[in-house]
Structure formats: structure tokens, C-alpha cells
């Protein structure tokens, strides 16, 4: 009987030992305490591309009169832009519309007084140094409506590396401060995720110039491109020791 019990006990211990040996190892950090933070880094780059939209509005008693006058003036604007360096690929038509001008008398059906024609062209070019000269040429050629001027960065990765490093360093500094306040120390980064958001330095610049205002411009339109800022946000989970 004693021999049977001893054999059974030895077998049980052996099975348990074998089971312990075959158990999978715990994943490193599976039971780590962690701290989650986010950091932000920014980079400023100089825009290298611009676009603006200008147009001509004309009014005539008939559609033909208004369209013919508009066509002539827009052709002059395009010719003036090309004369100072714009190419076919820089210029595109962005809007063409015709509206009847109506008289809404009380108690009467609307009466058409004439027609207004609007033709807008958008100019996009890589060299921001050309913007003032091109705008001035368009104004001198007869533009009487404009809708906006925007500066852009053609390569979205410019400044990215610098900003992402700054974002990570910001996150780590925050995590280290919080860990120290809790009487702990900071370990390795366990997970990292990132996102980016472009932050323009100014909203799109309205121009809203009419013929009277354009007549006051005598040389080149003064324009400043400023800088284009991109903000990167990084979320990091650190080990807390």
C-alpha cells in the first residue's frame, strides 16, 4: 500500500512539473502598469505655391451683348497674365454664369431689365514671388471681381520629421512629470500612434476688390506669404515602474 501511494505521489508531482514546464511564458509587460499621454509638435515652413481667383462681370441689355463684352475683357485678362509669365497650365476657368437682372414690381410679374455675365479664372503657380505681379496684371487688364488668395505648401512632408520628434518629446516630458508626481519612474514606450493637422497661419485672404478699388492700385499688389504651420499629435503609452 505504501509502495502504491509513493508511486502515485511521484507520478502526480512529475505530471505537475511537466505541465509547469510546458506552460507558455508570460508576454513581457502583460501586467505592466502604464500611463497614457499625448504630445504636440509643430513645424513652420514657407509656402511655395499660391492660387487666386479673379473675374470679370459685365451687364448688357441682351445675353449676346453681355457675353461678348465679357469674352473680350476676360481674353484681355488672360493675355495680360501670360505676358507676365503665367502659362496655360497655370490658368483655368473656374466659373461662368449668366443671371437675368429683374425688376420685381409690387403686384406685377418680374420684368427682365438686362443680363449679368460673370466669368472667373483661377491662377495657380509654384513660385510665390510671382503673385503680386500676376495680380497686378489681372487688375490692370480689367478684373473687377476677386474671391480669394491662398498660399500652400506643395510637399506635405516638409517639416514633418522635426514636428513628430517634438511631439514625442513633449509626450515623454509630460509622462515623466506625472510619474515623478506619483512617486514612480517612467519605463519604455509600449505603443505609439500619431495624427497630423495642418494649421494655416491666417484664414484665406479675401480680396473683394471692385473696379473702383482696383483703379487705385498703381504698381504691384503688395503680398506677404507668411509661414505655413503643421501640428502633429502623438499618443504614447509608457510603462510605469
Protein backbone atom coordinates (compact mmCIF):
# COMPACT_ATOMS: atom_id res chain seq x y z
CA UNK A 1 0.00 0.00 0.00
CA UNK A 2 2.82 2.38 0.88
CA UNK A 3 4.55 1.50 -2.36
CA UNK A 4 1.35 2.32 -4.31
CA UNK A 5 0.96 5.71 -2.55
CA UNK A 6 4.57 6.62 -3.14
CA UNK A 7 4.29 5.72 -6.79
CA UNK A 8 1.07 7.75 -7.16
CA UNK A 9 2.61 10.80 -5.44
CA UNK A 10 5.71 10.66 -7.60
CA UNK A 11 3.57 10.39 -10.72
CA UNK A 12 1.45 13.39 -9.67
CA UNK A 13 4.49 15.54 -8.96
CA UNK A 14 6.02 14.52 -12.26
CA UNK A 15 2.88 15.46 -14.22
CA UNK A 16 2.67 18.79 -12.42
CA UNK A 17 6.30 19.51 -13.14
CA UNK A 18 5.83 18.59 -16.78
CA UNK A 19 2.76 20.82 -17.01
CA UNK A 20 4.67 23.72 -15.46
CA UNK A 21 7.47 23.27 -17.94
CA UNK A 22 5.10 23.36 -20.94
CA UNK A 23 3.13 26.46 -19.83
CA UNK A 24 3.68 29.38 -22.25
CA UNK A 25 5.86 32.19 -20.93
CA UNK A 26 4.06 35.40 -19.94
CA UNK A 27 4.18 38.13 -22.52
CA UNK A 28 6.63 40.85 -21.47
CA UNK A 29 4.72 43.77 -19.97
CA UNK A 30 1.42 41.86 -19.85
CA UNK A 31 0.83 43.06 -16.30
CA UNK A 32 2.67 46.38 -16.51
CA UNK A 33 1.09 49.45 -15.04
CA UNK A 34 1.00 52.14 -17.72
CA UNK A 35 0.47 55.84 -18.24
CA UNK A 36 -1.07 57.29 -21.42
CA UNK A 37 -0.24 60.79 -22.62
CA UNK A 38 -0.31 62.83 -25.81
CA UNK A 39 2.16 65.39 -27.09
CA UNK A 40 2.14 68.02 -29.80
CA UNK A 41 4.93 69.21 -32.05
CA UNK A 42 4.81 72.00 -34.62
CA UNK A 43 6.82 72.94 -37.65
CA UNK A 44 6.71 76.10 -39.75
CA UNK A 45 7.58 76.09 -43.43
CA UNK A 46 7.45 78.77 -46.07
CA UNK A 47 4.69 78.28 -48.68
CA UNK A 48 5.97 77.57 -52.16
CA UNK A 49 2.69 77.68 -54.11
CA UNK A 50 -0.21 80.11 -54.38
CA UNK A 51 -3.60 80.41 -56.04
CA UNK A 52 -6.09 83.21 -56.54
CA UNK A 53 -9.39 83.62 -58.34
CA UNK A 54 -10.30 86.73 -60.28
CA UNK A 55 -13.07 87.50 -62.71
CA UNK A 56 -14.98 89.95 -64.83
CA UNK A 57 -18.64 90.87 -64.50
CA UNK A 58 -20.44 92.61 -67.34
CA UNK A 59 -24.02 93.74 -67.85
CA UNK A 60 -25.90 94.12 -71.13
CA UNK A 61 -29.42 94.60 -72.41
CA UNK A 62 -29.28 91.18 -74.05
CA UNK A 63 -27.36 87.99 -73.38
CA UNK A 64 -25.31 88.42 -76.55
CA UNK A 65 -24.20 91.93 -75.62
CA UNK A 66 -23.23 90.95 -72.07
CA UNK A 67 -21.41 87.76 -73.16
CA UNK A 68 -19.49 89.41 -75.99
CA UNK A 69 -18.26 92.21 -73.76
CA UNK A 70 -17.32 89.70 -71.06
CA UNK A 71 -15.48 87.47 -73.51
CA UNK A 72 -13.41 90.38 -74.74
CA UNK A 73 -12.42 91.51 -71.25
CA UNK A 74 -11.60 88.03 -69.97
CA UNK A 75 -9.46 87.37 -73.05
CA UNK A 76 -7.55 90.55 -72.23
CA UNK A 77 -7.03 89.38 -68.64
CA UNK A 78 -5.69 86.00 -69.77
CA UNK A 79 -3.38 87.65 -72.29
CA UNK A 80 -2.06 90.01 -69.62
CA UNK A 81 -1.39 87.10 -67.24
CA UNK A 82 0.54 85.22 -69.91
CA UNK A 83 2.51 88.32 -70.79
CA UNK A 84 3.97 88.45 -67.27
CA UNK A 85 4.81 84.75 -67.07
CA UNK A 86 1.68 82.65 -66.50
CA UNK A 87 1.33 79.55 -68.66
CA UNK A 88 -1.67 77.59 -69.94
CA UNK A 89 -1.32 75.07 -67.11
CA UNK A 90 -1.40 77.88 -64.51
CA UNK A 91 -4.78 79.25 -65.67
CA UNK A 92 -8.17 77.55 -65.61
CA UNK A 93 -11.75 78.74 -65.86
CA UNK A 94 -13.46 78.17 -62.51
CA UNK A 95 -16.89 79.69 -63.11
CA UNK A 96 -19.08 81.02 -65.89
CA UNK A 97 -22.62 82.17 -65.20
CA UNK A 98 -25.42 84.33 -66.57
CA UNK A 99 -28.12 85.95 -64.44
CA UNK A 100 -31.12 87.95 -65.60
CA UNK A 101 -31.50 91.27 -63.86
CA UNK A 102 -35.14 91.57 -62.96
CA UNK A 103 -37.43 94.28 -61.69
CA UNK A 104 -39.84 92.94 -59.06
CA UNK A 105 -42.65 95.49 -59.05
CA UNK A 106 -45.30 95.08 -56.38
CA UNK A 107 -48.21 93.07 -57.69
CA UNK A 108 -46.55 92.57 -61.07
CA UNK A 109 -44.66 89.79 -62.80
CA UNK A 110 -40.85 90.21 -62.77
CA UNK A 111 -39.55 92.22 -65.72
CA UNK A 112 -36.12 91.48 -67.20
CA UNK A 113 -34.00 94.62 -67.38
CA UNK A 114 -30.82 93.02 -68.71
CA UNK A 115 -28.31 90.26 -68.13
CA UNK A 116 -25.24 89.95 -65.97
CA UNK A 117 -22.42 87.66 -67.08
CA UNK A 118 -19.63 86.53 -64.76
CA UNK A 119 -16.50 84.67 -65.80
CA UNK A 120 -13.90 83.70 -63.18
CA UNK A 121 -10.45 82.25 -63.68
CA UNK A 122 -8.19 80.65 -61.09
CA UNK A 123 -4.43 81.07 -61.29
CA UNK A 124 -2.19 78.54 -59.52
CA UNK A 125 1.58 78.80 -59.65
CA UNK A 126 4.58 77.33 -57.82
CA UNK A 127 6.65 80.48 -57.32
CA UNK A 128 5.11 82.68 -54.62
CA UNK A 129 7.29 85.56 -55.75
CA UNK A 130 5.08 85.91 -58.83
CA UNK A 131 1.80 86.51 -57.01
CA UNK A 132 1.95 90.31 -56.76
CA UNK A 133 2.93 90.77 -60.39
CA UNK A 134 0.21 88.40 -61.67
CA UNK A 135 -2.47 90.01 -59.53
CA UNK A 136 -1.48 93.45 -60.71
CA UNK A 137 -1.53 92.37 -64.34
CA UNK A 138 -5.04 90.95 -63.94
CA UNK A 139 -6.30 94.11 -62.26
CA UNK A 140 -4.79 96.34 -64.90
CA UNK A 141 -6.41 94.24 -67.63
CA UNK A 142 -9.93 94.79 -66.34
CA UNK A 143 -10.66 92.42 -63.45
CA UNK A 144 -13.46 93.80 -61.31
CA UNK A 145 -14.25 90.81 -59.04
CA UNK A 146 -11.95 88.63 -56.96
CA UNK A 147 -12.69 85.98 -54.37
CA UNK A 148 -9.55 84.92 -52.56
CA UNK A 149 -5.83 84.36 -52.31
CA UNK A 150 -4.30 81.27 -50.73
CA UNK A 151 -0.75 80.13 -50.05
CA UNK A 152 0.06 76.43 -49.93
CA UNK A 153 2.92 74.02 -49.26
CA UNK A 154 3.26 71.63 -52.18
CA UNK A 155 5.08 68.89 -50.22
CA UNK A 156 3.09 67.98 -47.06
CA UNK A 157 6.09 66.09 -45.61
CA UNK A 158 8.20 69.23 -45.27
CA UNK A 159 8.86 69.79 -41.59
CA UNK A 160 7.19 66.51 -40.65
CA UNK A 161 10.17 64.75 -39.04
CA UNK A 162 11.05 67.74 -36.88
CA UNK A 163 7.46 68.14 -35.68
CA UNK A 164 6.98 64.43 -34.93
CA UNK A 165 10.16 64.27 -32.84
CA UNK A 166 8.99 67.34 -30.94
CA UNK A 167 5.58 65.72 -30.37
CA UNK A 168 7.14 62.55 -28.95
CA UNK A 169 9.49 64.53 -26.70
CA UNK A 170 6.52 66.56 -25.48
CA UNK A 171 4.60 63.37 -24.65
CA UNK A 172 7.56 61.84 -22.82
CA UNK A 173 8.15 65.01 -20.81
CA UNK A 174 4.51 65.03 -19.69
CA UNK A 175 4.64 61.35 -18.76
CA UNK A 176 7.88 61.79 -16.80
CA UNK A 177 6.40 64.70 -14.86
CA UNK A 178 3.27 62.74 -13.94
CA UNK A 179 5.28 59.68 -12.97
CA UNK A 180 7.53 61.76 -10.72
CA UNK A 181 4.48 63.37 -9.08
CA UNK A 182 3.16 59.88 -8.30
CA UNK A 183 6.50 58.73 -6.89
CA UNK A 184 7.16 56.40 -9.79
CA UNK A 185 9.61 56.20 -12.66
CA UNK A 186 8.98 56.05 -16.37
CA UNK A 187 9.77 52.98 -18.42
CA UNK A 188 9.82 52.26 -22.11
CA UNK A 189 7.22 53.34 -24.65
CA UNK A 190 4.81 50.46 -25.27
CA UNK A 191 2.58 51.87 -28.01
CA UNK A 192 2.74 54.99 -30.18
CA UNK A 193 0.11 56.42 -32.52
CA UNK A 194 0.13 59.69 -34.40
CA UNK A 195 -2.03 62.10 -36.32
CA UNK A 196 -1.40 65.40 -38.08
CA UNK A 197 -3.34 68.58 -38.54
CA UNK A 198 -2.41 71.49 -40.78
CA UNK A 199 -2.79 74.87 -39.11
CA UNK A 200 -2.76 77.74 -41.62
CA UNK A 201 -1.23 80.93 -40.23
CA UNK A 202 -4.13 83.02 -41.48
CA UNK A 203 -7.56 82.29 -42.95
CA UNK A 204 -7.82 82.55 -46.74
CA UNK A 205 -7.20 86.18 -47.62
CA UNK A 206 -10.27 87.89 -49.05
CA UNK A 207 -9.62 90.36 -51.83
CA UNK A 208 -13.11 91.65 -52.61
CA UNK A 209 -11.73 94.35 -54.91
CA UNK A 210 -14.11 96.11 -57.27
CA UNK A 211 -13.25 98.26 -60.25
CA UNK A 212 -13.01 101.48 -58.22
CA UNK A 213 -10.60 99.96 -55.73
CA UNK A 214 -8.52 98.37 -58.48
CA UNK A 215 -8.08 101.74 -60.15
CA UNK A 216 -6.22 102.99 -57.08
CA UNK A 217 -3.52 100.32 -57.44
CA UNK A 218 -0.63 101.80 -59.37
CA UNK A 219 2.23 99.31 -59.12
CA UNK A 220 2.46 95.70 -57.94
CA UNK A 221 -0.01 94.33 -55.41
CA UNK A 222 1.89 94.00 -52.09
CA UNK A 223 1.51 90.43 -50.82
CA UNK A 224 3.17 88.56 -47.95
CA UNK A 225 3.11 84.74 -47.93
CA UNK A 226 3.86 84.32 -44.22
CA UNK A 227 4.51 80.78 -42.98
CA UNK A 228 2.53 77.56 -43.01
CA UNK A 229 2.34 75.67 -39.71
CA UNK A 230 1.69 71.96 -39.31
CA UNK A 231 0.89 70.42 -35.92
CA UNK A 232 1.48 66.72 -35.23
CA UNK A 233 -0.12 64.95 -32.28
CA UNK A 234 1.40 61.76 -30.86
CA UNK A 235 -0.29 59.49 -28.31
CA UNK A 236 2.08 57.27 -26.31
CA UNK A 237 1.54 54.57 -23.67
CA UNK A 238 4.57 54.30 -21.35
CA UNK A 239 5.45 51.62 -18.82
CA UNK A 240 5.13 52.88 -15.25
CA UNK A 241 7.61 51.47 -12.78
